[in-house]
Amino acid sequence: MKHLYIHIPFCHRRCAYCDFNTYANVGDRIEAYVVALCAELRLLAETIMPAPPASAEAAGLRPTIFLGGGTPTMLALGQMERVLEAARLIVPLDGAEVSSEANPGTVLGRDYLRGLHQLGVNRLSMGVQSLHDPTLRILGRIHTADEARRSYAEAREAGFDNINLDFIFGLPGQDQAQWESTLDEIVTWDVDHFSLYSLILEEQSPLYAQVTAGRVSIPDDDATATMYECAMDRFAAANYVQYEISNFARQEEIRESKILPDIPSRACHHNLAYWLNSDYLAAGAGAYGHITSGGAPHRYSDTLTIDAYIAAVTTGHRPLAEIIPLSVADIRAETMMMGLRLNVGVGDDHFAARCGATLTDVYGPQIAELIGQSLIERVPGRIRLTPRGRMFGNQVFLRFL
């Protein structure tokens, strides 16, 4: 198995827009959780690992480990070391892309960051979200804009040469001028990778309740679309390559790959595995894994809550909450929906290797209709979203279900 996701569900405070499986004010459970997590990773390592799909191998992806959350940097360095030692039983750290998410409000300075880097974490993904302090307060973030700037500088000083920064647009009170000011600043930082997300109001989040009650207003769809278009223009002018709907990587060199042409070298290999609908294992409370080779294709999820997860692993068994069978039709639809997020789109060879059939045989009518609507286009060897199609991606993806 080449790809592993590890979920760290702890946060100092839940953000107002978040509906991820995260928990605040339970720091006393971190040590017990780490013990259980290492035990689950050892259990996973003892299982028979299926071979990655041939299409993913042909893409030339590096092995990857991704620590997400929640806030992985709430773990002490000793705890992080134990987790990575257990993870290396599944994915060797040598030559792997090892990413960790980080909250600028919990990154503990140069010493912590230097220690994290020495443990083998070679890619840092920091959730900045905004450089406007009033907006950060509305979102429930625990850092300020200056703390984000300082954390980024400290990460560089600690030796990280592959850093992603997350930002959100369409935020409460955000206007075009504020967003352009943010873009103008961050393109000067020499960041390796940016992930830009349009705000999604999740029904279970506090922010959803505030907006629906009229206490907070957010930009309308047209204003949000203008912000997205502006970001694409600014990053292109600053020599960043948009290789996926929400992701931009600094242009250094282009990877040579028939499956993934024109992908910049700073692209996130772990996320590329998702977008290729590849196989990956996952560990941690509420984590989802995806296995389609070596047996019955399925997706699995782990037990959701921290205490139930710890209790399940303590019995010596994997903490499975659900196993979801995947049909041939499921795999084909997911290959389309994930792959079309990439700017290069879905290749004929990739689809055939992954799904055992040609694009035309499976989706000929849908492709013809979407081309007629100028939402996708055919280029040699593949289909991809048009610029207009990127603005209506979800509607395009639904056509393949």
Protein backbone atom coordinates (compact mmCIF):
# COMPACT_ATOMS: atom_id res chain seq x y z
CA MET A 1 0.00 0.00 0.00
CA LYS A 2 1.45 3.34 -1.05
CA HIS A 3 -0.90 5.80 0.65
CA LEU A 4 -1.98 6.21 4.26
CA TYR A 5 -4.22 8.78 5.94
CA ILE A 6 -4.03 9.26 9.73
CA HIS A 7 -6.73 11.22 11.54
CA ILE A 8 -5.89 13.31 14.60
CA PRO A 9 -9.29 14.58 15.86
CA PHE A 10 -8.15 17.07 18.53
CA CYS A 11 -8.61 20.84 18.39
CA HIS A 12 -8.22 23.61 20.93
CA ARG A 13 -11.53 24.97 19.66
CA ARG A 14 -13.89 23.92 16.88
CA CYS A 15 -14.16 26.48 14.09
CA ALA A 16 -17.58 27.95 13.38
CA TYR A 17 -17.70 26.49 9.85
CA CYS A 18 -16.39 23.00 10.70
CA ASP A 19 -18.33 19.74 10.61
CA PHE A 20 -15.30 17.43 10.51
CA ASN A 21 -14.89 14.71 13.13
CA THR A 22 -13.03 16.89 15.63
CA TYR A 23 -13.26 17.45 19.38
CA ALA A 24 -12.22 20.35 21.58
CA ASN A 25 -11.32 20.44 25.29
CA VAL A 26 -10.39 16.75 25.44
CA GLY A 27 -6.61 17.10 25.56
CA ASP A 28 -6.55 14.59 28.41
CA ARG A 29 -7.47 11.88 25.88
CA ILE A 30 -4.55 12.51 23.51
CA GLU A 31 -2.13 10.01 25.07
CA ALA A 32 -4.69 7.19 25.18
CA TYR A 33 -5.65 8.01 21.60
CA VAL A 34 -2.04 7.86 20.44
CA VAL A 35 -1.64 4.42 22.08
CA ALA A 36 -4.79 3.20 20.29
CA LEU A 37 -3.77 4.78 16.98
CA CYS A 38 -0.37 3.06 17.03
CA ALA A 39 -2.11 -0.22 17.83
CA GLU A 40 -4.47 0.21 14.85
CA LEU A 41 -1.56 1.00 12.55
CA ARG A 42 0.16 -2.21 13.64
CA LEU A 43 -3.05 -4.14 13.00
CA LEU A 44 -3.27 -2.64 9.52
CA ALA A 45 0.37 -3.55 8.87
CA GLU A 46 -0.39 -7.18 9.70
CA THR A 47 -3.11 -7.42 7.06
CA ILE A 48 -2.36 -8.37 3.46
CA MET A 49 -1.85 -5.19 1.50
CA PRO A 50 -3.30 -5.21 -2.02
CA ALA A 51 -1.20 -4.00 -4.91
CA PRO A 52 -1.97 -0.43 -6.02
CA PRO A 53 -4.00 -0.15 -9.23
CA ALA A 54 -1.81 -0.16 -12.31
CA SER A 55 -3.05 3.27 -13.33
CA ALA A 56 -1.81 4.82 -10.08
CA GLU A 57 1.56 3.12 -10.44
CA ALA A 58 1.87 4.49 -13.97
CA ALA A 59 1.28 8.01 -12.64
CA GLY A 60 4.58 7.82 -10.78
CA LEU A 61 3.20 8.97 -7.43
CA ARG A 62 5.46 8.89 -4.40
CA PRO A 63 4.36 6.88 -1.36
CA THR A 64 2.47 9.22 0.99
CA ILE A 65 1.42 9.62 4.61
CA PHE A 66 -0.97 12.41 5.48
CA LEU A 67 -1.71 13.45 9.08
CA GLY A 68 -4.97 15.39 9.08
CA GLY A 69 -7.54 16.49 11.55
CA GLY A 70 -8.34 18.21 13.67
CA THR A 71 -4.94 19.57 14.52
CA PRO A 72 -2.06 17.07 14.35
CA THR A 73 0.33 19.63 15.81
CA MET A 74 -1.47 19.26 19.14
CA LEU A 75 0.55 16.06 19.54
CA ALA A 76 3.82 16.36 21.43
CA LEU A 77 6.89 15.47 19.42
CA GLY A 78 7.32 12.21 21.30
CA GLN A 79 3.74 11.23 20.48
CA MET A 80 4.20 12.20 16.84
CA GLU A 81 7.36 10.09 16.70
CA ARG A 82 5.49 7.01 17.96
CA VAL A 83 2.73 7.50 15.39
CA LEU A 84 5.22 7.81 12.54
CA GLU A 85 7.16 4.77 13.74
CA ALA A 86 3.95 2.74 13.58
CA ALA A 87 3.00 4.27 10.22
CA ARG A 88 6.33 3.30 8.65
CA LEU A 89 5.30 -0.34 9.02
CA ILE A 90 2.80 0.38 6.23
CA VAL A 91 4.49 3.14 4.21
CA PRO A 92 8.29 3.43 4.61
CA LEU A 93 9.25 7.03 5.34
CA ASP A 94 12.30 7.00 3.06
CA GLY A 95 11.28 8.61 -0.21
CA ALA A 96 7.73 9.25 0.95
CA GLU A 97 5.82 12.51 0.98
CA VAL A 98 4.91 12.89 4.67
CA SER A 99 2.43 15.72 5.24
CA SER A 100 1.01 17.15 8.43
CA GLU A 101 -1.72 19.71 8.80
CA ALA A 102 -0.98 22.49 11.26
CA ASN A 103 -2.87 25.33 12.86
CA PRO A 104 -0.83 28.54 13.20
CA GLY A 105 -2.39 28.93 16.64
CA THR A 106 -0.92 25.63 17.88
CA VAL A 107 2.44 25.46 16.10
CA LEU A 108 4.86 25.69 18.99
CA GLY A 109 7.66 27.74 17.47
CA ARG A 110 10.88 26.87 15.71
CA ASP A 111 11.93 24.08 18.08
CA TYR A 112 8.69 22.15 17.61
CA LEU A 113 8.75 22.67 13.85
CA ARG A 114 12.41 21.69 13.63
CA GLY A 115 11.67 18.54 15.63
CA LEU A 116 8.69 17.73 13.41
CA HIS A 117 10.88 18.05 10.33
CA GLN A 118 13.58 15.86 11.86
CA LEU A 119 10.99 13.13 12.50
CA GLY A 120 10.42 12.86 8.76
CA VAL A 121 7.52 15.24 8.12
CA ASN A 122 8.60 16.95 4.92
CA ARG A 123 5.43 18.75 3.87
CA LEU A 124 3.48 21.15 6.09
CA SER A 125 -0.09 22.25 5.38
CA MET A 126 -1.12 25.28 7.43
CA GLY A 127 -4.73 26.40 7.78
CA VAL A 128 -4.46 30.19 7.52
CA GLN A 129 -7.94 30.75 5.96
CA SER A 130 -7.84 34.56 6.16
CA LEU A 131 -5.49 37.48 6.84
CA HIS A 132 -8.35 39.60 8.21
CA ASP A 133 -8.48 39.41 12.00
CA PRO A 134 -12.21 40.24 12.40
CA THR A 135 -13.03 37.46 9.94
CA LEU A 136 -10.76 35.03 11.75
CA ARG A 137 -12.66 35.77 14.96
CA ILE A 138 -16.02 35.13 13.26
CA LEU A 139 -14.69 31.82 11.97
CA GLY A 140 -13.57 30.81 15.46
CA ARG A 141 -9.90 30.55 14.47
CA ILE A 142 -7.48 30.82 17.39
CA HIS A 143 -4.72 32.65 15.50
CA THR A 144 -4.30 36.15 14.17
CA ALA A 145 -3.00 37.17 10.75
CA ASP A 146 0.36 38.15 12.26
CA GLU A 147 0.63 34.76 14.00
CA ALA A 148 0.01 33.07 10.65
CA ARG A 149 2.76 35.12 9.05
CA ARG A 150 5.11 34.28 11.90
CA SER A 151 4.29 30.55 11.84
CA TYR A 152 4.98 30.41 8.12
CA ALA A 153 8.34 32.16 8.59
CA GLU A 154 9.26 29.82 11.46
CA ALA A 155 8.40 26.78 9.35
CA ARG A 156 10.81 27.98 6.69
CA GLU A 157 13.50 28.59 9.29
CA ALA A 158 12.90 25.07 10.67
CA GLY A 159 13.80 23.56 7.31
CA PHE A 160 10.45 22.98 5.59
CA ASP A 161 10.88 23.50 1.86
CA ASN A 162 7.42 22.23 0.90
CA ILE A 163 4.61 24.21 2.52
CA ASN A 164 0.94 24.51 1.64
CA LEU A 165 -1.31 27.28 2.91
CA ASP A 166 -5.11 26.96 3.02
CA PHE A 167 -7.34 29.98 2.40
CA ILE A 168 -11.12 30.34 2.16
CA PHE A 169 -13.03 32.85 0.04
CA GLY A 170 -16.68 33.85 0.19
CA LEU A 171 -16.29 34.47 3.91
CA PRO A 172 -18.59 36.55 6.16
CA GLY A 173 -18.06 40.24 5.49
CA GLN A 174 -15.46 39.55 2.81
CA ASP A 175 -15.53 41.74 -0.28
CA GLN A 176 -13.54 41.79 -3.48
CA ALA A 177 -11.09 44.44 -2.28
CA GLN A 178 -10.26 42.50 0.90
CA TRP A 179 -9.74 39.29 -1.07
CA GLU A 180 -7.52 41.01 -3.64
CA SER A 181 -5.43 42.49 -0.83
CA THR A 182 -4.91 38.98 0.58
CA LEU A 183 -3.95 37.59 -2.83
CA ASP A 184 -1.55 40.47 -3.47
CA GLU A 185 0.25 39.70 -0.22
CA ILE A 186 0.43 35.92 -0.29
CA VAL A 187 1.79 35.64 -3.83
CA THR A 188 4.89 37.47 -2.55
CA TRP A 189 5.58 34.89 0.18
CA ASP A 190 7.19 32.33 -2.15
CA VAL A 191 4.85 29.60 -0.88
CA ASP A 192 5.16 26.21 -2.60
CA HIS A 193 1.47 25.35 -2.75
CA PHE A 194 -1.92 26.95 -2.07
CA SER A 195 -5.32 25.37 -1.50
CA LEU A 196 -8.20 27.80 -1.98
CA TYR A 197 -11.71 26.80 -0.98
CA SER A 198 -15.05 28.48 -1.41
CA LEU A 199 -16.89 28.60 1.91
CA ILE A 200 -19.41 25.77 2.26
CA LEU A 201 -22.09 26.27 4.88
CA GLU A 202 -22.49 22.91 6.59
CA GLU A 203 -25.90 22.54 8.22
CA GLN A 204 -24.51 21.26 11.52
CA SER A 205 -22.06 24.13 11.93
CA PRO A 206 -22.55 27.22 14.13
CA LEU A 207 -21.84 29.49 11.16
CA TYR A 208 -24.77 27.99 9.24
CA ALA A 209 -27.07 28.89 12.12
CA GLN A 210 -25.68 32.43 12.25
CA VAL A 211 -26.15 33.00 8.51
CA THR A 212 -29.64 31.51 8.33
CA ALA A 213 -30.69 33.62 11.33
CA GLY A 214 -29.43 36.76 9.59
CA ARG A 215 -26.78 37.56 12.17
CA VAL A 216 -23.96 37.13 9.65
CA SER A 217 -23.97 37.74 5.89
CA ILE A 218 -21.82 36.10 3.25
CA PRO A 219 -21.12 37.09 -0.38
CA ASP A 220 -23.58 35.80 -2.97
CA ASP A 221 -22.68 33.21 -5.61
CA ASP A 222 -21.75 35.78 -8.25
CA ALA A 223 -19.41 37.62 -5.89
CA THR A 224 -17.82 34.34 -4.81
CA ALA A 225 -17.31 33.29 -8.43
CA THR A 226 -15.60 36.62 -9.14
CA MET A 227 -13.25 35.98 -6.20
CA TYR A 228 -12.38 32.55 -7.62
CA GLU A 229 -11.69 33.95 -11.08
CA CYS A 230 -9.54 36.68 -9.56
CA ALA A 231 -7.51 34.09 -7.65
CA MET A 232 -6.90 32.07 -10.82
CA ASP A 233 -5.65 35.18 -12.60
CA ARG A 234 -3.40 36.35 -9.76
CA PHE A 235 -1.78 32.96 -9.24
CA ALA A 236 -1.21 32.41 -12.94
CA ALA A 237 0.51 35.79 -13.14
CA ALA A 238 2.71 34.79 -10.19
CA ASN A 239 3.82 31.57 -11.94
CA TYR A 240 1.62 29.14 -10.03
CA VAL A 241 0.02 26.26 -11.91
CA GLN A 242 -3.59 25.47 -11.13
CA TYR A 243 -3.58 21.69 -11.41
CA GLU A 244 -6.90 21.02 -9.65
CA ILE A 245 -10.08 22.99 -9.01
CA SER A 246 -8.87 24.24 -5.63
CA ASN A 247 -5.12 23.72 -5.77
CA PHE A 248 -2.19 25.74 -7.11
CA ALA A 249 1.48 24.72 -7.07
CA ARG A 250 4.57 26.74 -7.70
CA GLN A 251 6.05 26.19 -11.14
CA GLU A 252 9.49 24.60 -10.92
CA GLU A 253 9.45 21.66 -13.24
CA ILE A 254 6.75 19.58 -14.90
CA ARG A 255 6.51 15.90 -14.03
CA GLU A 256 6.80 13.54 -16.98
CA SER A 257 3.88 11.12 -16.80
CA LYS A 258 1.52 9.77 -19.42
CA ILE A 259 -1.24 9.48 -16.81
CA LEU A 260 -0.62 12.91 -15.28
CA PRO A 261 0.94 15.26 -17.84
CA ASP A 262 1.70 18.86 -16.93
CA ILE A 263 1.51 18.36 -13.16
CA PRO A 264 3.88 20.71 -11.30
CA SER A 265 6.51 19.14 -9.07
CA ARG A 266 5.07 20.77 -5.92
CA ALA A 267 1.66 19.15 -6.38
CA CYS A 268 0.45 17.15 -3.37
CA HIS A 269 1.02 13.49 -4.20
CA HIS A 270 -1.32 12.29 -1.47
CA ASN A 271 -4.23 14.25 -2.89
CA LEU A 272 -3.27 13.18 -6.41
CA ALA A 273 -3.82 9.60 -5.23
CA TYR A 274 -7.36 10.57 -4.19
CA TRP A 275 -8.05 12.30 -7.50
CA LEU A 276 -6.82 9.23 -9.39
CA ASN A 277 -9.28 7.19 -7.28
CA SER A 278 -6.39 5.09 -6.07
CA ASP A 279 -6.34 2.82 -3.04
CA TYR A 280 -5.35 4.08 0.40
CA LEU A 281 -5.52 2.93 3.99
CA ALA A 282 -6.75 5.13 6.83
CA ALA A 283 -6.43 5.02 10.60
CA GLY A 284 -7.97 7.03 13.40
CA ALA A 285 -11.42 7.91 14.69
CA GLY A 286 -13.85 8.39 11.80
CA ALA A 287 -11.17 7.86 9.12
CA TYR A 288 -12.16 6.41 5.74
CA GLY A 289 -10.06 3.98 3.70
CA HIS A 290 -10.53 2.87 0.10
CA ILE A 291 -9.49 -0.54 -1.24
CA THR A 292 -10.38 -1.84 -4.70
CA SER A 293 -7.58 -4.35 -5.35
CA GLY A 294 -6.85 -7.76 -3.90
CA GLY A 295 -10.42 -8.72 -3.07
CA ALA A 296 -13.90 -7.29 -2.86
CA PRO A 297 -13.72 -3.52 -3.56
CA HIS A 298 -14.89 -1.50 -0.58
CA ARG A 299 -14.63 1.68 1.43
CA TYR A 300 -14.38 1.40 5.20
CA SER A 301 -14.80 3.78 8.10
CA ASP A 302 -13.48 3.62 11.65
CA THR A 303 -15.49 4.17 14.80
CA LEU A 304 -16.37 7.83 15.10
CA THR A 305 -15.93 9.02 18.69
CA ILE A 306 -12.62 9.11 20.51
CA ASP A 307 -13.60 6.93 23.48
CA ALA A 308 -15.43 4.36 21.34
CA TYR A 309 -12.41 4.21 19.04
CA ILE A 310 -10.00 3.66 21.95
CA ALA A 311 -12.27 0.99 23.42
CA ALA A 312 -12.57 -0.85 20.09
CA VAL A 313 -8.82 -0.99 19.51
CA THR A 314 -8.24 -2.12 23.10
CA THR A 315 -10.03 -5.39 22.25
CA GLY A 316 -7.28 -6.19 19.75
CA HIS A 317 -9.48 -5.79 16.69
CA ARG A 318 -9.66 -3.15 14.00
CA PRO A 319 -12.12 -0.40 15.06
CA LEU A 320 -14.37 -0.73 12.01
CA ALA A 321 -17.70 1.07 12.04
CA GLU A 322 -18.80 0.33 8.47
CA ILE A 323 -17.70 -1.49 5.33
CA ILE A 324 -19.28 -0.12 2.15
CA PRO A 325 -19.08 -2.41 -0.92
CA LEU A 326 -18.11 -0.70 -4.17
CA SER A 327 -19.58 -1.90 -7.45
CA VAL A 328 -17.95 -1.58 -10.85
CA ALA A 329 -20.34 1.30 -11.54
CA ASP A 330 -19.27 3.00 -8.28
CA ILE A 331 -15.59 2.80 -9.18
CA ARG A 332 -16.22 4.16 -12.66
CA ALA A 333 -18.34 7.06 -11.41
CA GLU A 334 -15.85 7.96 -8.69
CA THR A 335 -12.94 7.80 -11.15
CA MET A 336 -14.78 10.38 -13.27
CA MET A 337 -15.86 12.66 -10.44
CA MET A 338 -12.45 12.70 -8.79
CA GLY A 339 -10.41 12.83 -12.00
CA LEU A 340 -12.35 15.70 -13.55
CA ARG A 341 -11.29 17.86 -10.62
CA LEU A 342 -7.79 17.81 -12.13
CA ASN A 343 -7.11 20.38 -14.81
CA VAL A 344 -5.67 17.64 -17.02
CA GLY A 345 -8.94 15.75 -16.63
CA VAL A 346 -9.46 12.01 -17.06
CA GLY A 347 -7.20 10.21 -19.52
CA ASP A 348 -8.46 7.46 -21.79
CA ASP A 349 -5.60 5.17 -20.71
CA HIS A 350 -6.12 5.91 -17.01
CA PHE A 351 -9.85 5.19 -17.18
CA ALA A 352 -9.33 1.97 -19.12
CA ALA A 353 -6.63 0.73 -16.71
CA ARG A 354 -8.65 1.69 -13.64
CA CYS A 355 -12.12 0.67 -14.82
CA GLY A 356 -11.66 -2.05 -17.43
CA ALA A 357 -13.60 -0.24 -20.16
CA THR A 358 -13.29 2.79 -22.41
CA LEU A 359 -14.68 6.21 -21.60
CA THR A 360 -16.79 6.18 -24.74
CA ASP A 361 -18.31 2.77 -24.03
CA VAL A 362 -19.33 3.71 -20.49
CA TYR A 363 -20.11 7.43 -20.71
CA GLY A 364 -20.40 8.28 -24.41
CA PRO A 365 -23.83 10.00 -24.21
CA GLN A 366 -22.94 12.01 -21.08
CA ILE A 367 -19.64 13.16 -22.60
CA ALA A 368 -21.33 14.23 -25.85
CA GLU A 369 -24.00 16.19 -23.95
CA LEU A 370 -21.49 17.96 -21.71
CA ILE A 371 -19.28 18.85 -24.67
CA GLY A 372 -22.34 20.33 -26.34
CA GLN A 373 -22.92 22.47 -23.25
CA SER A 374 -19.27 23.65 -23.26
CA LEU A 375 -18.75 22.18 -19.78
CA ILE A 376 -16.11 19.64 -20.81
CA GLU A 377 -13.84 19.33 -23.80
CA ARG A 378 -11.95 16.54 -25.50
CA VAL A 379 -8.24 16.99 -26.06
CA PRO A 380 -5.85 14.30 -27.34
CA GLY A 381 -6.09 11.28 -25.07
CA ARG A 382 -8.42 12.73 -22.43
CA ILE A 383 -11.44 14.80 -21.45
CA ARG A 384 -11.34 17.73 -19.05
CA LEU A 385 -13.47 20.53 -17.67
CA THR A 386 -13.57 23.77 -19.60
CA PRO A 387 -13.00 27.02 -17.67
CA ARG A 388 -16.80 27.37 -17.63
CA GLY A 389 -17.10 23.77 -16.44
CA ARG A 390 -14.92 24.50 -13.40
CA MET A 391 -17.54 26.99 -12.25
CA PHE A 392 -20.20 24.27 -12.40
CA GLY A 393 -18.12 21.28 -11.41
CA ASN A 394 -20.64 19.66 -9.08
CA GLN A 395 -23.33 19.72 -11.77
CA VAL A 396 -20.90 18.07 -14.19
CA PHE A 397 -19.89 15.37 -11.70
CA LEU A 398 -23.51 14.42 -11.04
CA ARG A 399 -23.93 13.42 -14.69
CA PHE A 400 -21.65 10.42 -14.09
CA LEU A 401 -23.53 8.97 -11.13
